[in-house]
PDB file of N, CA and C in Angstrom:
ATOM      1  N   MET A   1     107.727-165.080 -22.589  1.00  0.00           N
ATOM      2  CA  MET A   1     108.104-163.864 -21.905  1.00  0.00           C
ATOM      3  C   MET A   1     108.724-162.868 -22.883  1.00  0.00           C
ATOM      4  N   ARG A   2     109.356-163.384 -23.923  1.00  0.00           N
ATOM      5  CA  ARG A   2     109.908-162.486 -24.943  1.00  0.00           C
ATOM      6  C   ARG A   2     108.805-161.900 -25.806  1.00  0.00           C
ATOM      7  N   GLU A   3     107.765-162.705 -26.042  1.00  0.00           N
ATOM      8  CA  GLU A   3     106.665-162.236 -26.885  1.00  0.00           C
ATOM      9  C   GLU A   3     105.873-161.121 -26.220  1.00  0.00           C
ATOM     10  N   VAL A   4     105.715-161.216 -24.909  1.00  0.00           N
ATOM     11  CA  VAL A   4     104.922-160.223 -24.178  1.00  0.00           C
ATOM     12  C   VAL A   4     105.690-159.793 -22.923  1.00  0.00           C
ATOM     13  N   PRO A   5     106.482-158.727 -23.028  1.00  0.00           N
ATOM     14  CA  PRO A   5     107.172-158.220 -21.840  1.00  0.00           C
ATOM     15  C   PRO A   5     106.154-157.865 -20.755  1.00  0.00           C
ATOM     16  N   GLY A   6     106.496-158.178 -19.510  1.00  0.00           N
ATOM     17  CA  GLY A   6     105.589-157.913 -18.396  1.00  0.00           C
ATOM     18  C   GLY A   6     104.835-159.152 -17.958  1.00  0.00           C
ATOM     19  N   ILE A   7     105.020-160.252 -18.688  1.00  0.00           N
ATOM     20  CA  ILE A   7     104.380-161.515 -18.341  1.00  0.00           C
ATOM     21  C   ILE A   7     105.455-162.457 -17.811  1.00  0.00           C
ATOM     22  N   TYR A   8     105.123-163.201 -16.771  1.00  0.00           N
ATOM     23  CA  TYR A   8     106.010-164.265 -16.295  1.00  0.00           C
ATOM     24  C   TYR A   8     105.153-165.491 -16.034  1.00  0.00           C
ATOM     25  N   PHE A   9     105.773-166.603 -15.782  1.00  0.00           N
ATOM     26  CA  PHE A   9     105.033-167.847 -15.593  1.00  0.00           C
ATOM     27  C   PHE A   9     105.280-168.403 -14.199  1.00  0.00           C
ATOM     28  N   VAL A  10     104.212-168.909 -13.605  1.00  0.00           N
ATOM     29  CA  VAL A  10     104.289-169.514 -12.283  1.00  0.00           C
ATOM     30  C   VAL A  10     103.752-170.939 -12.369  1.00  0.00           C
ATOM     31  N   ASP A  11     104.308-171.805 -11.551  1.00  0.00           N
ATOM     32  CA  ASP A  11     103.814-173.178 -11.474  1.00  0.00           C
ATOM     33  C   ASP A  11     102.713-173.229 -10.435  1.00  0.00           C
ATOM     34  N   ARG A  12     101.575-173.711 -10.843  1.00  0.00           N
ATOM     35  CA  ARG A  12     100.412-173.850  -9.967  1.00  0.00           C
ATOM     36  C   ARG A  12     100.044-175.327  -9.900  1.00  0.00           C
ATOM     37  N   GLN A  13      99.092-175.659  -9.047  1.00  0.00           N
ATOM     38  CA  GLN A  13      98.653-177.048  -8.936  1.00  0.00           C
ATOM     39  C   GLN A  13      98.217-177.615 -10.277  1.00  0.00           C
ATOM     40  N   ARG A  14      97.565-176.805 -11.063  1.00  0.00           N
ATOM     41  CA  ARG A  14      97.041-177.269 -12.347  1.00  0.00           C
ATOM     42  C   ARG A  14      97.988-176.991 -13.509  1.00  0.00           C
ATOM     43  N   GLY A  15      99.229-176.692 -13.216  1.00  0.00           N
ATOM     44  CA  GLY A  15     100.203-176.453 -14.270  1.00  0.00           C
ATOM     45  C   GLY A  15     100.709-175.024 -14.294  1.00  0.00           C
ATOM     46  N   ARG A  16     101.433-174.727 -15.337  1.00  0.00           N
ATOM     47  CA  ARG A  16     102.041-173.411 -15.507  1.00  0.00           C
ATOM     48  C   ARG A  16     100.986-172.389 -15.911  1.00  0.00           C
ATOM     49  N   SER A  17     101.108-171.188 -15.367  1.00  0.00           N
ATOM     50  CA  SER A  17     100.135-170.140 -15.644  1.00  0.00           C
ATOM     51  C   SER A  17     100.840-168.809 -15.892  1.00  0.00           C
ATOM     52  N   ALA A  18     100.329-168.048 -16.852  1.00  0.00           N
ATOM     53  CA  ALA A  18     100.862-166.721 -17.149  1.00  0.00           C
ATOM     54  C   ALA A  18     100.327-165.730 -16.128  1.00  0.00           C
ATOM     55  N   ALA A  19     101.219-164.870 -15.644  1.00  0.00           N
ATOM     56  CA  ALA A  19     100.846-163.863 -14.646  1.00  0.00           C
ATOM     57  C   ALA A  19     101.440-162.514 -15.038  1.00  0.00           C
ATOM     58  N   ILE A  20     100.916-161.469 -14.409  1.00  0.00           N
ATOM     59  CA  ILE A  20     101.346-160.098 -14.682  1.00  0.00           C
ATOM     60  C   ILE A  20     102.401-159.676 -13.660  1.00  0.00           C
ATOM     61  N   MET A  21     103.561-159.263 -14.128  1.00  0.00           N
ATOM     62  CA  MET A  21     104.621-158.786 -13.227  1.00  0.00           C
ATOM     63  C   MET A  21     104.140-157.568 -12.449  1.00  0.00           C
ATOM     64  N   GLY A  22     104.449-157.550 -11.168  1.00  0.00           N
ATOM     65  CA  GLY A  22     104.140-156.397 -10.335  1.00  0.00           C
ATOM     66  C   GLY A  22     102.739-156.389  -9.751  1.00  0.00           C
ATOM     67  N   VAL A  23     101.904-157.358 -10.155  1.00  0.00           N
ATOM     68  CA  VAL A  23     100.525-157.382  -9.668  1.00  0.00           C
ATOM     69  C   VAL A  23     100.233-158.684  -8.933  1.00  0.00           C
ATOM     70  N   GLY A  24     100.758-159.787  -9.448  1.00  0.00           N
ATOM     71  CA  GLY A  24     100.496-161.080  -8.836  1.00  0.00           C
ATOM     72  C   GLY A  24      99.243-161.761  -9.357  1.00  0.00           C
ATOM     73  N   LEU A  25      98.513-161.085 -10.225  1.00  0.00           N
ATOM     74  CA  LEU A  25      97.324-161.692 -10.822  1.00  0.00           C
ATOM     75  C   LEU A  25      97.718-162.536 -12.022  1.00  0.00           C
ATOM     76  N   GLN A  26      96.960-163.593 -12.233  1.00  0.00           N
ATOM     77  CA  GLN A  26      97.132-164.351 -13.455  1.00  0.00           C
ATOM     78  C   GLN A  26      96.522-163.543 -14.593  1.00  0.00           C
ATOM     79  N   VAL A  27      96.987-163.803 -15.799  1.00  0.00           N
ATOM     80  CA  VAL A  27      96.511-163.038 -16.954  1.00  0.00           C
ATOM     81  C   VAL A  27      95.007-163.158 -17.104  1.00  0.00           C
ATOM     82  N   TRP A  28      94.458-164.365 -16.929  1.00  0.00           N
ATOM     83  CA  TRP A  28      93.013-164.529 -17.101  1.00  0.00           C
ATOM     84  C   TRP A  28      92.239-163.690 -16.085  1.00  0.00           C
ATOM     85  N   GLN A  29      92.778-163.525 -14.879  1.00  0.00           N
ATOM     86  CA  GLN A  29      92.110-162.703 -13.868  1.00  0.00           C
ATOM     87  C   GLN A  29      92.109-161.231 -14.286  1.00  0.00           C
ATOM     88  N   MET A  30      93.236-160.771 -14.795  1.00  0.00           N
ATOM     89  CA  MET A  30      93.326-159.390 -15.271  1.00  0.00           C
ATOM     90  C   MET A  30      92.362-159.179 -16.437  1.00  0.00           C
ATOM     91  N   CYS A  31      92.273-160.169 -17.335  1.00  0.00           N
ATOM     92  CA  CYS A  31      91.352-160.062 -18.472  1.00  0.00           C
ATOM     93  C   CYS A  31      89.900-160.031 -18.000  1.00  0.00           C
ATOM     94  N   ASP A  32      89.572-160.813 -16.970  1.00  0.00           N
ATOM     95  CA  ASP A  32      88.230-160.756 -16.385  1.00  0.00           C
ATOM     96  C   ASP A  32      87.915-159.348 -15.897  1.00  0.00           C
ATOM     97  N   LEU A  33      88.873-158.748 -15.211  1.00  0.00           N
ATOM     98  CA  LEU A  33      88.670-157.397 -14.690  1.00  0.00           C
ATOM     99  C   LEU A  33      88.501-156.399 -15.824  1.00  0.00           C
ATOM    100  N   ILE A  34      89.323-156.515 -16.848  1.00  0.00           N
ATOM    101  CA  ILE A  34      89.214-155.612 -17.994  1.00  0.00           C
ATOM    102  C   ILE A  34      87.833-155.753 -18.639  1.00  0.00           C
ATOM    103  N   GLN A  35      87.343-156.976 -18.746  1.00  0.00           N
ATOM    104  CA  GLN A  35      86.001-157.197 -19.302  1.00  0.00           C
ATOM    105  C   GLN A  35      84.931-156.593 -18.397  1.00  0.00           C
ATOM    106  N   ALA A  36      85.104-156.729 -17.085  1.00  0.00           N
ATOM    107  CA  ALA A  36      84.133-156.163 -16.137  1.00  0.00           C
ATOM    108  C   ALA A  36      84.055-154.645 -16.259  1.00  0.00           C
ATOM    109  N   TYR A  37      85.144-154.028 -16.676  1.00  0.00           N
ATOM    110  CA  TYR A  37      85.188-152.585 -16.887  1.00  0.00           C
ATOM    111  C   TYR A  37      84.907-152.217 -18.341  1.00  0.00           C
ATOM    112  N   ASP A  38      84.352-153.155 -19.082  1.00  0.00           N
ATOM    113  CA  ASP A  38      84.029-152.930 -20.500  1.00  0.00           C
ATOM    114  C   ASP A  38      85.235-152.424 -21.290  1.00  0.00           C
ATOM    115  N   GLY A  39      86.423-152.865 -20.907  1.00  0.00           N
ATOM    116  CA  GLY A  39      87.630-152.488 -21.635  1.00  0.00           C
ATOM    117  C   GLY A  39      88.110-151.075 -21.390  1.00  0.00           C
ATOM    118  N   GLU A  40      87.517-150.376 -20.445  1.00  0.00           N
ATOM    119  CA  GLU A  40      87.884-148.984 -20.165  1.00  0.00           C
ATOM    120  C   GLU A  40      89.115-148.945 -19.256  1.00  0.00           C
ATOM    121  N   LEU A  41      90.269-148.957 -19.870  1.00  0.00           N
ATOM    122  CA  LEU A  41      91.523-149.029 -19.127  1.00  0.00           C
ATOM    123  C   LEU A  41      91.732-147.832 -18.207  1.00  0.00           C
ATOM    124  N   GLU A  42      91.312-146.665 -18.635  1.00  0.00           N
ATOM    125  CA  GLU A  42      91.504-145.464 -17.803  1.00  0.00           C
ATOM    126  C   GLU A  42      90.748-145.582 -16.481  1.00  0.00           C
ATOM    127  N   ARG A  43      89.552-146.145 -16.522  1.00  0.00           N
ATOM    128  CA  ARG A  43      88.781-146.336 -15.278  1.00  0.00           C
ATOM    129  C   ARG A  43      89.479-147.321 -14.352  1.00  0.00           C
ATOM    130  N   ILE A  44      90.059-148.367 -14.924  1.00  0.00           N
ATOM    131  CA  ILE A  44      90.790-149.340 -14.109  1.00  0.00           C
ATOM    132  C   ILE A  44      91.967-148.659 -13.433  1.00  0.00           C
ATOM    133  N   LEU A  45      92.688-147.836 -14.188  1.00  0.00           N
ATOM    134  CA  LEU A  45      93.864-147.162 -13.628  1.00  0.00           C
ATOM    135  C   LEU A  45      93.487-146.170 -12.534  1.00  0.00           C
ATOM    136  N   ILE A  46      92.299-145.623 -12.601  1.00  0.00           N
ATOM    137  CA  ILE A  46      91.831-144.742 -11.529  1.00  0.00           C
ATOM    138  C   ILE A  46      91.527-145.564 -10.276  1.00  0.00           C
ATOM    139  N   ASP A  47      90.852-146.702 -10.465  1.00  0.00           N
ATOM    140  CA  ASP A  47      90.483-147.546  -9.327  1.00  0.00           C
ATOM    141  C   ASP A  47      91.651-148.337  -8.752  1.00  0.00           C
ATOM    142  N   TYR A  48      92.663-148.584  -9.568  1.00  0.00           N
ATOM    143  CA  TYR A  48      93.850-149.327  -9.142  1.00  0.00           C
ATOM    144  C   TYR A  48      95.091-148.476  -9.443  1.00  0.00           C
ATOM    145  N   PRO A  49      95.340-147.462  -8.642  1.00  0.00           N
ATOM    146  CA  PRO A  49      96.397-146.489  -8.959  1.00  0.00           C
ATOM    147  C   PRO A  49      97.813-147.059  -8.959  1.00  0.00           C
ATOM    148  N   ASN A  50      98.038-148.224  -8.385  1.00  0.00           N
ATOM    149  CA  ASN A  50      99.383-148.813  -8.394  1.00  0.00           C
ATOM    150  C   ASN A  50      99.653-149.617  -9.653  1.00  0.00           C
ATOM    151  N   TRP A  51      98.659-149.780 -10.484  1.00  0.00           N
ATOM    152  CA  TRP A  51      98.830-150.511 -11.737  1.00  0.00           C
ATOM    153  C   TRP A  51      99.228-149.529 -12.831  1.00  0.00           C
ATOM    154  N   THR A  52      99.758-150.085 -13.917  1.00  0.00           N
ATOM    155  CA  THR A  52     100.136-149.250 -15.048  1.00  0.00           C
ATOM    156  C   THR A  52      99.407-149.716 -16.310  1.00  0.00           C
ATOM    157  N   ARG A  53      99.322-148.814 -17.246  1.00  0.00           N
ATOM    158  CA  ARG A  53      98.722-149.160 -18.543  1.00  0.00           C
ATOM    159  C   ARG A  53      99.478-150.325 -19.172  1.00  0.00           C
ATOM    160  N   ARG A  54     100.769-150.332 -18.979  1.00  0.00           N
ATOM    161  CA  ARG A  54     101.603-151.394 -19.546  1.00  0.00           C
ATOM    162  C   ARG A  54     101.191-152.777 -19.023  1.00  0.00           C
ATOM    163  N   MET A  55     100.829-152.864 -17.746  1.00  0.00           N
ATOM    164  CA  MET A  55     100.369-154.138 -17.170  1.00  0.00           C
ATOM    165  C   MET A  55      99.092-154.608 -17.858  1.00  0.00           C
ATOM    166  N   LEU A  56      98.153-153.671 -18.019  1.00  0.00           N
ATOM    167  CA  LEU A  56      96.877-154.004 -18.657  1.00  0.00           C
ATOM    168  C   LEU A  56      97.090-154.413 -20.109  1.00  0.00           C
ATOM    169  N   GLU A  57      97.932-153.680 -20.793  1.00  0.00           N
ATOM    170  CA  GLU A  57      98.197-153.978 -22.197  1.00  0.00           C
ATOM    171  C   GLU A  57      98.914-155.315 -22.364  1.00  0.00           C
ATOM    172  N   ALA A  58      99.757-155.677 -21.396  1.00  0.00           N
ATOM    173  CA  ALA A  58     100.429-156.977 -21.446  1.00  0.00           C
ATOM    174  C   ALA A  58      99.399-158.105 -21.365  1.00  0.00           C
ATOM    175  N   ALA A  59      98.418-157.953 -20.481  1.00  0.00           N
ATOM    176  CA  ALA A  59      97.358-158.964 -20.366  1.00  0.00           C
ATOM    177  C   ALA A  59      96.578-159.074 -21.672  1.00  0.00           C
ATOM    178  N   LEU A  60      96.234-157.937 -22.247  1.00  0.00           N
ATOM    179  CA  LEU A  60      95.482-157.942 -23.506  1.00  0.00           C
ATOM    180  C   LEU A  60      96.294-158.547 -24.644  1.00  0.00           C
ATOM    181  N   LYS A  61      97.571-158.239 -24.688  1.00  0.00           N
ATOM    182  CA  LYS A  61      98.442-158.785 -25.728  1.00  0.00           C
ATOM    183  C   LYS A  61      98.549-160.307 -25.585  1.00  0.00           C
ATOM    184  N   TYR A  62      98.747-160.775 -24.357  1.00  0.00           N
ATOM    185  CA  TYR A  62      98.858-162.216 -24.130  1.00  0.00           C
ATOM    186  C   TYR A  62      97.555-162.903 -24.536  1.00  0.00           C
ATOM    187  N   ARG A  63      96.426-162.302 -24.161  1.00  0.00           N
ATOM    188  CA  ARG A  63      95.123-162.880 -24.533  1.00  0.00           C
ATOM    189  C   ARG A  63      94.958-162.928 -26.044  1.00  0.00           C
ATOM    190  N   SER A  64      95.449-161.923 -26.749  1.00  0.00           N
ATOM    191  CA  SER A  64      95.318-161.922 -28.209  1.00  0.00           C
ATOM    192  C   SER A  64      96.167-163.026 -28.845  1.00  0.00           C
ATOM    193  N   LEU A  65      97.288-163.368 -28.209  1.00  0.00           N
ATOM    194  CA  LEU A  65      98.156-164.420 -28.733  1.00  0.00           C
ATOM    195  C   LEU A  65      97.688-165.822 -28.339  1.00  0.00           C
ATOM    196  N   TYR A  66      97.061-165.937 -27.168  1.00  0.00           N
ATOM    197  CA  TYR A  66      96.663-167.246 -26.629  1.00  0.00           C
ATOM    198  C   TYR A  66      95.216-167.217 -26.126  1.00  0.00           C
ATOM    199  N   PRO A  67      94.276-166.887 -27.012  1.00  0.00           N
ATOM    200  CA  PRO A  67      92.884-166.744 -26.560  1.00  0.00           C
ATOM    201  C   PRO A  67      92.284-168.032 -26.008  1.00  0.00           C
ATOM    202  N   ASP A  68      92.629-169.172 -26.580  1.00  0.00           N
ATOM    203  CA  ASP A  68      92.065-170.433 -26.096  1.00  0.00           C
ATOM    204  C   ASP A  68      92.480-170.715 -24.657  1.00  0.00           C
ATOM    205  N   GLU A  69      93.734-170.440 -24.342  1.00  0.00           N
ATOM    206  CA  GLU A  69      94.237-170.650 -22.979  1.00  0.00           C
ATOM    207  C   GLU A  69      93.477-169.772 -21.979  1.00  0.00           C
ATOM    208  N   ILE A  70      93.352-168.497 -22.301  1.00  0.00           N
ATOM    209  CA  ILE A  70      92.693-167.554 -21.388  1.00  0.00           C
ATOM    210  C   ILE A  70      91.213-167.892 -21.248  1.00  0.00           C
ATOM    211  N   GLU A  71      90.538-168.169 -22.355  1.00  0.00           N
ATOM    212  CA  GLU A  71      89.111-168.514 -22.303  1.00  0.00           C
ATOM    213  C   GLU A  71      88.867-169.785 -21.509  1.00  0.00           C
ATOM    214  N   ALA A  72      89.742-170.762 -21.628  1.00  0.00           N
ATOM    215  CA  ALA A  72      89.589-172.010 -20.865  1.00  0.00           C
ATOM    216  C   ALA A  72      89.710-171.751 -19.364  1.00  0.00           C
ATOM    217  N   LEU A  73      90.671-170.927 -18.979  1.00  0.00           N
ATOM    218  CA  LEU A  73      90.844-170.606 -17.559  1.00  0.00           C
ATOM    219  C   LEU A  73      89.656-169.800 -17.024  1.00  0.00           C
ATOM    220  N   GLN A  74      89.163-168.860 -17.810  1.00  0.00           N
ATOM    221  CA  GLN A  74      87.990-168.091 -17.400  1.00  0.00           C
ATOM    222  C   GLN A  74      86.776-169.009 -17.268  1.00  0.00           C
ATOM    223  N   HIS A  75      86.628-169.941 -18.199  1.00  0.00           N
ATOM    224  CA  HIS A  75      85.506-170.886 -18.155  1.00  0.00           C
ATOM    225  C   HIS A  75      85.602-171.765 -16.900  1.00  0.00           C
ATOM    226  N   ASN A  76      86.805-172.263 -16.589  1.00  0.00           N
ATOM    227  CA  ASN A  76      86.990-173.070 -15.378  1.00  0.00           C
ATOM    228  C   ASN A  76      86.604-172.285 -14.134  1.00  0.00           C
ATOM    229  N   ASN A  77      86.926-171.006 -14.099  1.00  0.00           N
ATOM    230  CA  ASN A  77      86.564-170.169 -12.965  1.00  0.00           C
ATOM    231  C   ASN A  77      85.049-170.008 -12.864  1.00  0.00           C
ATOM    232  N   GLU A  78      84.378-169.845 -14.003  1.00  0.00           N
ATOM    233  CA  GLU A  78      82.912-169.752 -14.010  1.00  0.00           C
ATOM    234  C   GLU A  78      82.277-171.039 -13.498  1.00  0.00           C
ATOM    235  N   LEU A  79      82.817-172.190 -13.910  1.00  0.00           N
ATOM    236  CA  LEU A  79      82.297-173.469 -13.434  1.00  0.00           C
ATOM    237  C   LEU A  79      82.468-173.607 -11.927  1.00  0.00           C
ATOM    238  N   LEU A  80      83.627-173.195 -11.425  1.00  0.00           N
ATOM    239  CA  LEU A  80      83.856-173.250  -9.984  1.00  0.00           C
ATOM    240  C   LEU A  80      82.863-172.354  -9.246  1.00  0.00           C
ATOM    241  N   ALA A  81      82.623-171.160  -9.772  1.00  0.00           N
ATOM    242  CA  ALA A  81      81.655-170.246  -9.144  1.00  0.00           C
ATOM    243  C   ALA A  81      80.257-170.871  -9.131  1.00  0.00           C
ATOM    244  N   GLU A  82      79.889-171.558 -10.206  1.00  0.00           N
ATOM    245  CA  GLU A  82      78.583-172.229 -10.257  1.00  0.00           C
ATOM    246  C   GLU A  82      78.498-173.340  -9.209  1.00  0.00           C
ATOM    247  N   ARG A  83      79.580-174.105  -9.063  1.00  0.00           N
ATOM    248  CA  ARG A  83      79.598-175.176  -8.059  1.00  0.00           C
ATOM    249  C   ARG A  83      79.491-174.606  -6.648  1.00  0.00           C
ATOM    250  N   ILE A  84      80.179-173.506  -6.415  1.00  0.00           N
ATOM    251  CA  ILE A  84      80.108-172.863  -5.103  1.00  0.00           C
ATOM    252  C   ILE A  84      78.683-172.366  -4.857  1.00  0.00           C
ATOM    253  N   ALA A  85      78.095-171.716  -5.869  1.00  0.00           N
ATOM    254  CA  ALA A  85      76.725-171.200  -5.732  1.00  0.00           C
ATOM    255  C   ALA A  85      75.726-172.333  -5.509  1.00  0.00           C
ATOM    256  N   ALA A  86      75.996-173.509  -6.058  1.00  0.00           N
ATOM    257  CA  ALA A  86      75.100-174.658  -5.904  1.00  0.00           C
ATOM    258  C   ALA A  86      75.257-175.327  -4.538  1.00  0.00           C
ATOM    259  N   GLY A  87      76.212-174.850  -3.749  1.00  0.00           N
ATOM    260  CA  GLY A  87      76.386-175.398  -2.411  1.00  0.00           C
ATOM    261  C   GLY A  87      77.325-176.582  -2.336  1.00  0.00           C
ATOM    262  N   ASN A  88      78.083-176.821  -3.383  1.00  0.00           N
ATOM    263  CA  ASN A  88      79.007-177.947  -3.386  1.00  0.00           C
ATOM    264  C   ASN A  88      80.208-177.743  -2.467  1.00  0.00           C
ATOM    265  N   TYR A  89      80.458-176.520  -2.064  1.00  0.00           N
ATOM    266  CA  TYR A  89      81.575-176.216  -1.180  1.00  0.00           C
ATOM    267  C   TYR A  89      81.044-175.407   0.006  1.00  0.00           C
ATOM    268  N   PRO A  90      80.515-176.093   1.025  1.00  0.00           N
ATOM    269  CA  PRO A  90      79.959-175.379   2.185  1.00  0.00           C
ATOM    270  C   PRO A  90      81.001-174.454   2.814  1.00  0.00           C
ATOM    271  N   GLY A  91      80.557-173.311   3.227  1.00  0.00           N
ATOM    272  CA  GLY A  91      81.464-172.354   3.857  1.00  0.00           C
ATOM    273  C   GLY A  91      82.085-171.370   2.897  1.00  0.00           C
ATOM    274  N   ILE A  92      81.889-171.587   1.592  1.00  0.00           N
ATOM    275  CA  ILE A  92      82.406-170.666   0.586  1.00  0.00           C
ATOM    276  C   ILE A  92      81.208-170.102  -0.168  1.00  0.00           C
ATOM    277  N   SER A  93      81.196-168.805  -0.371  1.00  0.00           N
ATOM    278  CA  SER A  93      80.088-168.200  -1.105  1.00  0.00           C
ATOM    279  C   SER A  93      80.619-167.309  -2.219  1.00  0.00           C
ATOM    280  N   VAL A  94      79.801-167.117  -3.227  1.00  0.00           N
ATOM    281  CA  VAL A  94      80.144-166.261  -4.359  1.00  0.00           C
ATOM    282  C   VAL A  94      79.591-164.877  -4.079  1.00  0.00           C
ATOM    283  N   VAL A  95      80.404-163.874  -4.258  1.00  0.00           N
ATOM    284  CA  VAL A  95      79.972-162.491  -4.107  1.00  0.00           C
ATOM    285  C   VAL A  95      80.103-161.831  -5.467  1.00  0.00           C
ATOM    286  N   ARG A  96      79.010-161.348  -6.001  1.00  0.00           N
ATOM    287  CA  ARG A  96      79.021-160.641  -7.276  1.00  0.00           C
ATOM    288  C   ARG A  96      79.100-159.151  -6.976  1.00  0.00           C
ATOM    289  N   VAL A  97      80.067-158.495  -7.552  1.00  0.00           N
ATOM    290  CA  VAL A  97      80.250-157.066  -7.344  1.00  0.00           C
ATOM    291  C   VAL A  97      80.022-156.366  -8.663  1.00  0.00           C
ATOM    292  N   LYS A  98      79.103-155.420  -8.663  1.00  0.00           N
ATOM    293  CA  LYS A  98      78.855-154.626  -9.867  1.00  0.00           C
ATOM    294  C   LYS A  98      79.743-153.400  -9.820  1.00  0.00           C
ATOM    295  N   ASN A  99      80.371-153.109 -10.955  1.00  0.00           N
ATOM    296  CA  ASN A  99      81.110-151.858 -10.994  1.00  0.00           C
ATOM    297  C   ASN A  99      80.101-150.733 -11.235  1.00  0.00           C
ATOM    298  N   GLU A 100      80.513-149.519 -11.053  1.00  0.00           N
ATOM    299  CA  GLU A 100      79.606-148.370 -11.152  1.00  0.00           C
ATOM    300  C   GLU A 100      78.895-148.321 -12.495  1.00  0.00           C
ATOM    301  N   GLN A 101      79.626-148.623 -13.565  1.00  0.00           N
ATOM    302  CA  GLN A 101      79.058-148.553 -14.912  1.00  0.00           C
ATOM    303  C   GLN A 101      77.931-149.566 -15.094  1.00  0.00           C
ATOM    304  N   SER A 102      78.160-150.820 -14.680  1.00  0.00           N
ATOM    305  CA  SER A 102      77.126-151.832 -14.850  1.00  0.00           C
ATOM    306  C   SER A 102      75.947-151.570 -13.931  1.00  0.00           C
ATOM    307  N   ALA A 103      76.188-150.942 -12.771  1.00  0.00           N
ATOM    308  CA  ALA A 103      75.084-150.589 -11.887  1.00  0.00           C
ATOM    309  C   ALA A 103      74.183-149.550 -12.553  1.00  0.00           C
ATOM    310  N   LYS A 104      74.780-148.602 -13.265  1.00  0.00           N
ATOM    311  CA  LYS A 104      74.003-147.590 -13.982  1.00  0.00           C
ATOM    312  C   LYS A 104      73.172-148.224 -15.102  1.00  0.00           C
ATOM    313  N   LYS A 105      73.747-149.218 -15.786  1.00  0.00           N
ATOM    314  CA  LYS A 105      73.054-149.884 -16.885  1.00  0.00           C
ATOM    315  C   LYS A 105      71.838-150.667 -16.383  1.00  0.00           C
ATOM    316  N   SER A 106      71.916-151.201 -15.171  1.00  0.00           N
ATOM    317  CA  SER A 106      70.824-152.029 -14.661  1.00  0.00           C
ATOM    318  C   SER A 106      69.696-151.202 -14.059  1.00  0.00           C
ATOM    319  N   ARG A 107      69.883-149.914 -13.937  1.00  0.00           N
ATOM    320  CA  ARG A 107      68.837-149.060 -13.342  1.00  0.00           C
ATOM    321  C   ARG A 107      67.741-148.756 -14.328  1.00  0.00           C
TER     322      ARG A 107
END
């Protein structure tokens, strides 16, 4: 928490996890969103007006210090999404949402 102001830790079923103060998202989730926006922080701040640049930068800073931790959590989330898509969890479905930028790229 001293290394990256704006980060706090929560105990989850799978252990301790870094989260963003004021948002409730885990750092890996915020990093996923930043990646989905191709790193365009200004666009994120427009779409999420209650967030601050400082929150986004805290996630990026934490990821730069602990990339293996963040990548492992993102990978676990991808595996879970694959299991859900394969029908291993009936009643739960994966919804893929394209942001405006990626929708333009696919046209």
